[in-house]
Protein backbone atom coordinates (compact mmCIF):
# COMPACT_ATOMS: atom_id res chain seq x y z
CA UNK A 1 -12.27 7.11 -38.83
CA UNK A 2 -12.61 8.72 -35.25
CA UNK A 3 -10.50 7.25 -32.65
CA UNK A 4 -12.27 7.07 -29.48
CA UNK A 5 -9.03 6.90 -27.47
CA UNK A 6 -7.50 10.03 -29.12
CA UNK A 7 -8.51 12.45 -26.24
CA UNK A 8 -7.51 10.09 -23.33
CA UNK A 9 -4.00 10.77 -23.92
CA UNK A 10 -3.11 13.83 -21.86
CA UNK A 11 0.55 15.42 -21.86
CA UNK A 12 2.18 15.52 -18.71
CA UNK A 13 4.66 17.82 -16.98
CA UNK A 14 6.98 16.51 -14.40
CA UNK A 15 9.20 18.18 -11.85
CA UNK A 16 11.55 15.20 -11.16
CA UNK A 17 13.20 16.33 -7.77
CA UNK A 18 15.63 14.58 -5.57
CA UNK A 19 13.10 14.79 -2.52
CA UNK A 20 9.70 15.31 -4.34
CA UNK A 21 8.20 14.47 -7.74
CA UNK A 22 5.23 16.55 -8.88
CA UNK A 23 3.04 15.87 -12.04
CA UNK A 24 0.80 18.29 -14.01
CA UNK A 25 -1.72 16.88 -16.71
CA UNK A 26 -2.61 19.31 -19.23
CA UNK A 27 -6.06 20.65 -18.72
CA UNK A 28 -6.29 19.36 -15.23
CA UNK A 29 -3.43 20.91 -13.41
CA UNK A 30 -1.26 19.27 -10.44
CA UNK A 31 -2.38 15.75 -10.08
CA UNK A 32 0.33 14.25 -8.01
CA UNK A 33 2.78 15.17 -5.13
CA UNK A 34 4.81 12.43 -3.93
CA UNK A 35 8.28 11.86 -2.41
CA UNK A 36 10.91 10.51 -4.67
CA UNK A 37 11.37 7.59 -2.66
CA UNK A 38 11.38 3.77 -3.48
CA UNK A 39 11.36 0.78 -1.06
CA UNK A 40 13.05 -2.44 -2.41
CA UNK A 41 13.33 -5.94 -1.20
CA UNK A 42 17.10 -6.66 -1.79
CA UNK A 43 16.73 -10.30 -1.64
CA UNK A 44 14.29 -10.44 -4.62
CA UNK A 45 14.82 -7.10 -6.30
CA UNK A 46 11.14 -6.57 -5.97
CA UNK A 47 9.75 -2.93 -5.55
CA UNK A 48 7.53 -2.96 -2.60
CA UNK A 49 6.62 0.63 -2.33
CA UNK A 50 6.90 3.99 -4.07
CA UNK A 51 6.10 7.53 -3.01
CA UNK A 52 4.64 8.22 0.28
CA UNK A 53 4.31 4.68 1.29
CA UNK A 54 7.87 4.14 0.68
CA UNK A 55 8.89 7.46 2.80
CA UNK A 56 7.10 6.04 5.84
CA UNK A 57 9.47 3.09 5.69
CA UNK A 58 12.70 5.06 5.90
CA UNK A 59 14.73 4.08 8.95
CA UNK A 60 12.12 1.50 9.73
CA UNK A 61 12.99 -1.43 7.65
CA UNK A 62 14.61 -4.92 8.15
CA UNK A 63 17.95 -5.05 6.84
CA UNK A 64 17.01 -6.80 3.46
CA UNK A 65 14.46 -4.00 2.68
CA UNK A 66 15.95 -0.48 1.61
CA UNK A 67 13.84 2.72 1.11
CA UNK A 68 16.04 5.07 -1.04
CA UNK A 69 16.03 7.91 -3.66
CA UNK A 70 16.88 7.06 -6.92
CA UNK A 71 18.08 10.61 -7.62
CA UNK A 72 20.99 12.22 -5.66
CA UNK A 73 21.73 15.70 -5.94
CA UNK A 74 19.37 16.09 -9.10
CA UNK A 75 20.99 13.25 -10.88
CA UNK A 76 19.59 9.72 -11.44
CA UNK A 77 21.96 7.28 -9.35
CA UNK A 78 19.82 4.17 -10.05
CA UNK A 79 18.49 4.09 -13.72
CA UNK A 80 16.27 1.10 -13.14
CA UNK A 81 14.68 2.45 -10.04
CA UNK A 82 14.16 5.67 -11.44
CA UNK A 83 12.55 4.12 -14.43
CA UNK A 84 10.14 2.27 -12.36
CA UNK A 85 9.26 5.16 -10.17
CA UNK A 86 8.67 7.25 -13.28
CA UNK A 87 6.32 4.67 -14.50
CA UNK A 88 4.40 4.66 -11.34
CA UNK A 89 4.12 8.35 -11.36
CA UNK A 90 2.98 8.64 -15.00
CA UNK A 91 0.47 6.04 -14.65
CA UNK A 92 -0.61 7.40 -11.25
CA UNK A 93 -1.23 10.70 -13.28
CA UNK A 94 -3.89 9.00 -15.12
CA UNK A 95 -5.98 7.78 -12.01
CA UNK A 96 -9.56 6.44 -12.68
CA UNK A 97 -8.68 5.79 -16.44
CA UNK A 98 -8.96 2.37 -18.11
CA UNK A 99 -6.44 3.16 -20.81
CA UNK A 100 -2.89 4.36 -20.21
CA UNK A 101 -1.91 5.99 -23.29
CA UNK A 102 1.80 7.14 -24.18
CA UNK A 103 1.90 10.67 -23.50
CA UNK A 104 4.35 13.56 -24.38
CA UNK A 105 6.18 14.50 -21.13
CA UNK A 106 8.07 17.65 -20.29
CA UNK A 107 10.57 17.08 -17.32
CA UNK A 108 12.23 19.86 -15.07
CA UNK A 109 16.04 19.22 -14.75
CA UNK A 110 18.73 21.14 -12.77
CA UNK A 111 20.92 23.41 -14.63
CA UNK A 112 24.39 22.12 -15.74
CA UNK A 113 23.48 18.56 -16.33
CA UNK A 114 25.96 16.77 -18.76
CA UNK A 115 24.45 15.32 -21.94
CA UNK A 116 24.86 11.83 -20.37
CA UNK A 117 22.93 12.81 -17.52
CA UNK A 118 20.10 14.25 -19.60
CA UNK A 119 19.94 11.32 -21.76
CA UNK A 120 19.48 9.10 -18.65
CA UNK A 121 16.49 11.12 -17.77
CA UNK A 122 14.95 10.89 -21.21
CA UNK A 123 15.71 7.13 -21.47
CA UNK A 124 14.18 6.67 -18.15
CA UNK A 125 11.07 8.59 -19.01
CA UNK A 126 10.55 6.83 -22.48
CA UNK A 127 11.13 3.45 -20.91
CA UNK A 128 8.51 4.31 -18.28
CA UNK A 129 6.05 5.00 -20.95
CA UNK A 130 6.57 8.50 -22.41
CA UNK A 131 6.23 8.80 -26.10
CA UNK A 132 8.09 11.89 -26.46
CA UNK A 133 10.36 13.64 -23.65
CA UNK A 134 11.45 17.31 -23.58
CA UNK A 135 13.61 18.75 -20.75
CA UNK A 136 13.32 22.40 -19.10
CA UNK A 137 15.81 23.79 -16.76
CA UNK A 138 14.08 24.01 -13.35
CA UNK A 139 14.93 27.74 -12.78
CA UNK A 140 13.44 28.56 -16.17
CA UNK A 141 10.22 26.77 -15.31
CA UNK A 142 10.08 28.13 -11.85
CA UNK A 143 10.18 31.70 -13.35
CA UNK A 144 7.14 30.86 -15.50
CA UNK A 145 5.42 29.44 -12.76
CA UNK A 146 6.06 32.68 -10.86
CA UNK A 147 4.65 34.59 -13.96
CA UNK A 148 7.86 36.45 -14.34
CA UNK A 149 8.12 38.43 -17.65
CA UNK A 150 11.08 36.22 -18.96
CA UNK A 151 10.53 36.59 -22.61
CA UNK A 152 10.97 40.47 -22.37
CA UNK A 153 14.45 42.06 -22.67
CA UNK A 154 14.92 42.31 -18.98
CA UNK A 155 16.85 40.64 -16.24
CA UNK A 156 15.10 38.35 -14.00
CA UNK A 157 17.02 36.70 -11.11
CA UNK A 158 15.47 33.33 -9.79
CA UNK A 159 16.95 31.08 -7.31
CA UNK A 160 15.54 27.48 -6.87
CA UNK A 161 16.36 25.74 -3.83
CA UNK A 162 15.13 22.02 -4.08
CA UNK A 163 16.17 18.85 -2.13
CA UNK A 164 19.55 18.18 -3.84
CA UNK A 165 20.36 21.21 -5.75
CA UNK A 166 20.17 24.90 -5.68
CA UNK A 167 19.88 26.55 -9.08
CA UNK A 168 20.62 30.11 -9.56
CA UNK A 169 19.64 31.91 -12.99
CA UNK A 170 19.46 35.14 -14.50
CA UNK A 171 16.75 34.81 -17.56
CA UNK A 172 16.31 37.22 -20.29
CA UNK A 173 14.41 36.97 -23.78
CA UNK A 174 13.45 33.36 -22.72
CA UNK A 175 16.79 32.09 -22.12
CA UNK A 176 19.29 31.61 -19.28
CA UNK A 177 21.98 34.37 -19.53
CA UNK A 178 23.99 33.17 -16.70
CA UNK A 179 23.43 30.05 -14.34
CA UNK A 180 24.96 28.21 -11.46
CA UNK A 181 23.93 24.99 -9.66
CA UNK A 182 25.05 24.14 -6.38
CA UNK A 183 24.88 20.68 -4.64
CA UNK A 184 23.87 22.48 -1.75
CA UNK A 185 20.08 22.48 -0.79
CA UNK A 186 17.38 20.91 1.39
CA UNK A 187 19.17 17.63 1.97
CA UNK A 188 22.43 19.12 2.90
CA UNK A 189 20.64 21.39 5.52
CA UNK A 190 19.13 17.95 6.94
CA UNK A 191 22.53 16.55 6.98
CA UNK A 192 24.05 19.59 8.81
CA UNK A 193 21.57 19.07 11.54
CA UNK A 194 22.23 15.39 12.02
CA UNK A 195 26.08 16.21 12.11
CA UNK A 196 25.38 18.94 14.65
CA UNK A 197 23.54 16.52 16.81
CA UNK A 198 26.30 14.03 16.76
CA UNK A 199 29.01 16.55 17.42
CA UNK A 200 27.11 18.62 20.13
CA UNK A 201 25.15 16.08 21.89
CA UNK A 202 26.43 12.76 20.98
CA UNK A 203 23.06 11.87 19.58
CA UNK A 204 22.31 9.96 16.54
CA UNK A 205 19.08 11.05 14.74
CA UNK A 206 17.61 10.27 11.34
CA UNK A 207 17.06 12.29 8.31
CA UNK A 208 13.20 12.58 9.04
CA UNK A 209 13.73 13.80 12.36
CA UNK A 210 16.44 16.37 10.94
CA UNK A 211 13.78 17.61 8.35
CA UNK A 212 11.18 18.35 11.09
CA UNK A 213 13.72 20.21 13.07
CA UNK A 214 14.65 22.24 10.17
CA UNK A 215 11.12 23.05 9.31
CA UNK A 216 10.05 23.87 12.85
CA UNK A 217 12.81 25.77 14.22
CA UNK A 218 15.41 26.02 11.29
CA UNK A 219 16.49 29.72 10.28
CA UNK A 220 18.93 31.48 8.57
CA UNK A 221 18.65 34.83 10.02
CA UNK A 222 17.53 35.85 13.56
CA UNK A 223 13.85 36.69 13.66
CA UNK A 224 11.99 38.37 16.50
CA UNK A 225 8.87 36.25 15.77
CA UNK A 226 7.20 33.17 17.51
CA UNK A 227 9.43 33.24 20.72
CA UNK A 228 8.15 30.52 23.03
CA UNK A 229 11.13 28.93 24.82
CA UNK A 230 13.67 29.94 27.59
CA UNK A 231 15.31 33.33 26.96
CA UNK A 232 12.50 34.04 24.04
CA UNK A 233 14.18 31.41 21.93
CA UNK A 234 11.92 28.87 19.99
CA UNK A 235 12.79 25.30 20.70
CA UNK A 236 11.71 21.70 20.52
CA UNK A 237 12.87 18.15 21.71
CA UNK A 238 14.73 15.67 19.51
CA UNK A 239 15.08 11.94 20.28
CA UNK A 240 17.54 9.68 19.00
CA UNK A 241 20.35 7.17 20.33
CA UNK A 242 22.98 8.26 22.47
CA UNK A 243 26.46 7.29 20.79
CA UNK A 244 28.26 6.53 23.83
CA UNK A 245 25.84 4.59 26.06
CA UNK A 246 23.86 3.22 22.89
CA UNK A 247 20.51 4.16 24.78
CA UNK A 248 17.52 6.13 23.43
CA UNK A 249 17.77 9.97 24.71
CA UNK A 250 16.00 13.27 24.27
CA UNK A 251 17.50 16.61 24.34
CA UNK A 252 16.20 20.11 23.69
CA UNK A 253 17.45 22.15 20.95
CA UNK A 254 16.94 25.87 20.21
CA UNK A 255 16.55 27.87 17.17
CA UNK A 256 19.80 29.67 17.83
CA UNK A 257 21.77 26.26 17.95
CA UNK A 258 20.26 25.09 14.73
CA UNK A 259 20.82 28.23 12.98
CA UNK A 260 24.50 27.76 13.69
CA UNK A 261 24.47 24.38 12.53
CA UNK A 262 22.93 25.55 9.23
CA UNK A 263 25.24 28.56 8.94
CA UNK A 264 28.13 27.09 6.60
CA UNK A 265 25.73 25.81 3.93
CA UNK A 266 23.62 29.05 4.15
CA UNK A 267 26.49 30.91 3.52
CA UNK A 268 27.63 29.00 0.55
CA UNK A 269 24.43 29.59 -1.05
CA UNK A 270 24.29 33.45 -0.47
CA UNK A 271 27.97 33.56 -1.69
CA UNK A 272 27.04 31.80 -4.96
CA UNK A 273 24.11 34.28 -5.45
CA UNK A 274 26.41 37.28 -4.89
CA UNK A 275 28.96 35.59 -7.32
CA UNK A 276 26.38 35.29 -9.93
CA UNK A 277 25.12 39.04 -9.32
CA UNK A 278 28.72 40.05 -9.94
CA UNK A 279 28.99 38.23 -13.12
CA UNK A 280 25.86 39.58 -14.46
CA UNK A 281 26.08 42.35 -17.40
CA UNK A 282 25.41 45.79 -15.94
CA UNK A 283 22.05 46.38 -17.83
CA UNK A 284 20.63 43.15 -16.41
CA UNK A 285 21.82 44.06 -12.91
CA UNK A 286 19.80 47.31 -12.92
CA UNK A 287 16.79 45.35 -13.77
CA UNK A 288 17.37 42.82 -11.11
CA UNK A 289 17.62 45.64 -8.69
CA UNK A 290 14.33 46.90 -9.73
CA UNK A 291 12.48 43.71 -9.98
CA UNK A 292 14.19 42.00 -7.13
CA UNK A 293 15.46 38.28 -6.45
CA UNK A 294 12.83 35.56 -6.44
CA UNK A 295 13.19 32.60 -4.35
CA UNK A 296 11.52 29.11 -5.30
CA UNK A 297 11.59 25.46 -4.23
CA UNK A 298 10.91 24.09 -0.70
CA UNK A 299 14.41 25.28 0.58
CA UNK A 300 13.33 28.83 -0.05
CA UNK A 301 10.92 28.48 2.89
CA UNK A 302 13.85 28.20 5.54
CA UNK A 303 12.83 31.21 7.96
CA UNK A 304 14.79 34.30 7.55
CA UNK A 305 16.62 33.29 4.22
CA UNK A 306 14.80 35.86 2.07
CA UNK A 307 15.88 38.60 4.82
CA UNK A 308 19.67 37.16 4.74
CA UNK A 309 19.98 37.37 1.05
CA UNK A 310 18.33 40.80 0.99
CA UNK A 311 20.66 42.12 3.52
CA UNK A 312 23.85 40.41 1.80
CA UNK A 313 22.90 41.57 -1.63
CA UNK A 314 21.08 44.97 -1.11
CA UNK A 315 18.52 43.64 -3.42
CA UNK A 316 14.65 43.29 -2.49
CA UNK A 317 14.20 39.39 -2.10
CA UNK A 318 10.79 37.76 -2.38
CA UNK A 319 9.66 34.09 -2.03
CA UNK A 320 7.30 33.38 -4.80
CA UNK A 321 3.60 32.30 -4.29
CA UNK A 322 3.41 28.53 -3.46
CA UNK A 323 7.21 27.96 -4.07
CA UNK A 324 6.98 24.23 -3.63
CA UNK A 325 4.95 23.79 -7.00
CA UNK A 326 6.58 26.59 -8.97
CA UNK A 327 8.60 24.17 -11.37
CA UNK A 328 5.73 21.87 -12.23
CA UNK A 329 3.50 24.99 -12.56
CA UNK A 330 5.77 26.51 -15.02
CA UNK A 331 6.11 23.41 -16.96
CA UNK A 332 2.58 22.84 -17.02
CA UNK A 333 2.01 26.36 -18.38
CA UNK A 334 4.55 25.39 -21.28
CA UNK A 335 2.27 22.36 -22.09
CA UNK A 336 -0.85 24.78 -22.06
CA UNK A 337 1.01 27.28 -24.22
CA UNK A 338 3.41 25.52 -26.22
CA UNK A 339 3.23 27.72 -29.25
CA UNK A 340 4.21 30.71 -27.26
CA UNK A 341 6.75 29.01 -25.04
CA UNK A 342 8.33 26.23 -27.05
CA UNK A 343 11.39 28.18 -27.19
CA UNK A 344 12.22 27.79 -23.39
CA UNK A 345 12.62 24.11 -23.91
CA UNK A 346 16.12 22.78 -23.60
CA UNK A 347 15.39 20.55 -26.31
CA UNK A 348 15.63 21.94 -29.91
CA UNK A 349 13.78 19.39 -31.79
CA UNK A 350 10.34 20.45 -33.01
CA UNK A 351 7.67 19.94 -30.33
CA UNK A 352 5.28 17.13 -31.96
CA UNK A 353 1.87 18.79 -32.57
CA UNK A 354 -1.32 17.05 -31.03
CA UNK A 355 -2.66 14.32 -33.34
CA UNK A 356 -5.93 14.72 -34.76
CA UNK A 357 -8.86 12.62 -34.24
CA UNK A 358 -8.95 9.45 -36.23
CA UNK A 359 -5.03 9.33 -36.02
CA UNK A 360 -3.38 6.16 -34.36
CA UNK A 361 -2.04 6.80 -30.92
């Protein structure tokens, strides 16, 4: 007997990021991009908002309402809230549909997670409505999303700089040859700007202000473009609370000072890339020198970072096209071509074939 609901179930790929979560529905493409933020009423335990609506509340709520992230540095820190967030995102991927079937889900995760941490991701997704859950390392998914030839016998060097983690990987024959995961990424750069503002100006600013400063005038390497401020330096005002007077204050910061604020964290990322190159087998290093280093993730868009990495490693460095969506696009490509790409999944169990019409969902 034909089951009218069999075609309603669509498999989903999710890039479960510390800062942003993206979802890809098989056959439809990317359908959802939301901040990984949940607002909770601590008096009642009720979830008030998830995603973009919750992010707007950050730093603007009464004491009993907390807007926070259930993932810290790529790892689930609050299982129950992460489960509710995933449920919201999975159901959001099926917008305009009456039925929410239990889909198979592929989730991108950072390199180096422990088995306990991986299990927490699988369990949260299953409790959120997934019928079957598969995991894929984010740098592998990013490399697939960038259409790098990872299944060939050659070295592919990918650096995925997200919100909570920076994953560095050398990939060949569909698998990770060498990988390193740092807990230094976009969120740490924001914190560097917050710390700099306090130390230099005695000015307390929030994470959203720090992020705006990073995006607008943050840089890793001195650039000669877009000079609009005094002495040819790009600058912008930041507003916060003076820690001495307790009163609101505005100061002007320029790109040089913000670059200095970010310098330590950027150096650590570059140093980890150089360490990974040094540990890479010689034949694969030759491939990397020819193909270059590829940057993905929102953090890769920090101005001048690609130039700095190229200067320090002597290897051409490129930011891939649309770096923010690389991981979810790659995971989505695995969904669309599972027969050819099944081996890239970190789960070794057999990927369940699609049900035939008439089978029960």
